[in-house]
Amino acid sequence: MSSEPEPVEKPAAQPPAQSQNAPSEKALRVCGPSGTLALRYGLPCPFCLVGRVDYDSQLNLVCSKCGKTQTGVFT
């Protein structure tokens, strides 16, 4: 008694990914000092190895190329 295999359902299509330069994605890229990689002012970004790390207007360290952000507290 042979039976035909059941049809396999395909997963629903995923929406296309947003561009990496989208501002909403840059806002979500945050790293903290507890991780193994930390942003350091004036040095190359440890994540993309291309951009230079600089302070933004709110004194957060930000990579100029990939947009990684590290926040901190100043007293």
Protein backbone atom coordinates (compact mmCIF):
# COMPACT_ATOMS: atom_id res chain seq x y z
CA MET A 1 0.00 0.00 0.00
CA SER A 2 1.90 3.01 -1.23
CA SER A 3 0.61 6.49 -0.78
CA GLU A 4 1.69 9.69 -2.42
CA PRO A 5 3.79 12.07 -0.30
CA GLU A 6 1.96 15.02 1.16
CA PRO A 7 2.61 18.35 -0.58
CA VAL A 8 5.02 20.62 1.29
CA GLU A 9 3.76 24.12 2.01
CA LYS A 10 6.16 26.95 1.29
CA PRO A 11 6.61 29.60 4.01
CA ALA A 12 5.02 32.99 3.42
CA ALA A 13 7.15 35.44 1.47
CA GLN A 14 9.15 37.87 3.58
CA PRO A 15 9.00 41.60 2.81
CA PRO A 16 12.16 42.95 1.16
CA ALA A 17 14.84 44.13 3.57
CA GLN A 18 15.27 47.87 4.01
CA SER A 19 18.38 49.61 2.81
CA GLN A 20 21.27 49.61 5.30
CA ASN A 21 21.34 53.40 5.09
CA ALA A 22 17.80 53.74 6.45
CA PRO A 23 17.74 56.01 9.53
CA SER A 24 15.47 53.61 11.44
CA GLU A 25 18.10 50.85 11.21
CA LYS A 26 20.89 53.15 12.35
CA ALA A 27 18.87 54.03 15.45
CA LEU A 28 18.72 50.34 16.40
CA ARG A 29 22.44 49.68 16.09
CA VAL A 30 23.63 50.22 19.63
CA CYS A 31 26.59 48.59 21.32
CA GLY A 32 27.49 48.80 24.96
CA PRO A 33 30.73 48.88 26.92
CA SER A 34 30.03 45.40 28.33
CA GLY A 35 30.53 43.80 24.91
CA THR A 36 33.86 42.66 23.61
CA LEU A 37 33.86 45.36 20.94
CA ALA A 38 33.67 48.97 22.07
CA LEU A 39 33.81 52.19 20.09
CA ARG A 40 36.77 54.44 20.87
CA TYR A 41 36.97 58.08 19.79
CA GLY A 42 39.18 58.69 16.76
CA LEU A 43 39.89 55.01 16.09
CA PRO A 44 38.51 52.85 13.27
CA CYS A 45 35.16 51.21 14.01
CA PRO A 46 35.70 47.65 15.32
CA PHE A 47 32.52 46.50 13.54
CA CYS A 48 32.97 47.69 9.94
CA LEU A 49 36.73 48.48 10.12
CA VAL A 50 36.17 51.36 7.68
CA GLY A 51 34.59 54.35 9.43
CA ARG A 52 36.12 56.59 12.06
CA VAL A 53 34.43 56.94 15.44
CA ASP A 54 33.40 60.46 16.45
CA TYR A 55 31.03 62.14 18.89
CA ASP A 56 27.58 63.25 17.70
CA SER A 57 25.65 66.29 18.98
CA GLN A 58 24.50 64.35 22.07
CA LEU A 59 28.03 63.12 22.92
CA ASN A 60 27.36 59.54 21.78
CA LEU A 61 30.18 57.71 20.02
CA VAL A 62 29.05 57.00 16.42
CA CYS A 63 30.73 55.31 13.45
CA SER A 64 30.59 57.56 10.39
CA LYS A 65 30.28 54.59 8.02
CA CYS A 66 28.04 51.88 9.54
CA GLY A 67 26.16 53.99 12.10
CA LYS A 68 26.95 51.90 15.19
CA THR A 69 26.28 53.96 18.30
CA GLN A 70 27.58 53.70 21.85
CA THR A 71 25.93 55.81 24.50
CA GLY A 72 27.42 56.83 27.79
CA VAL A 73 26.80 59.01 30.80
CA PHE A 74 28.84 62.08 31.63
CA THR A 75 28.67 63.76 35.01
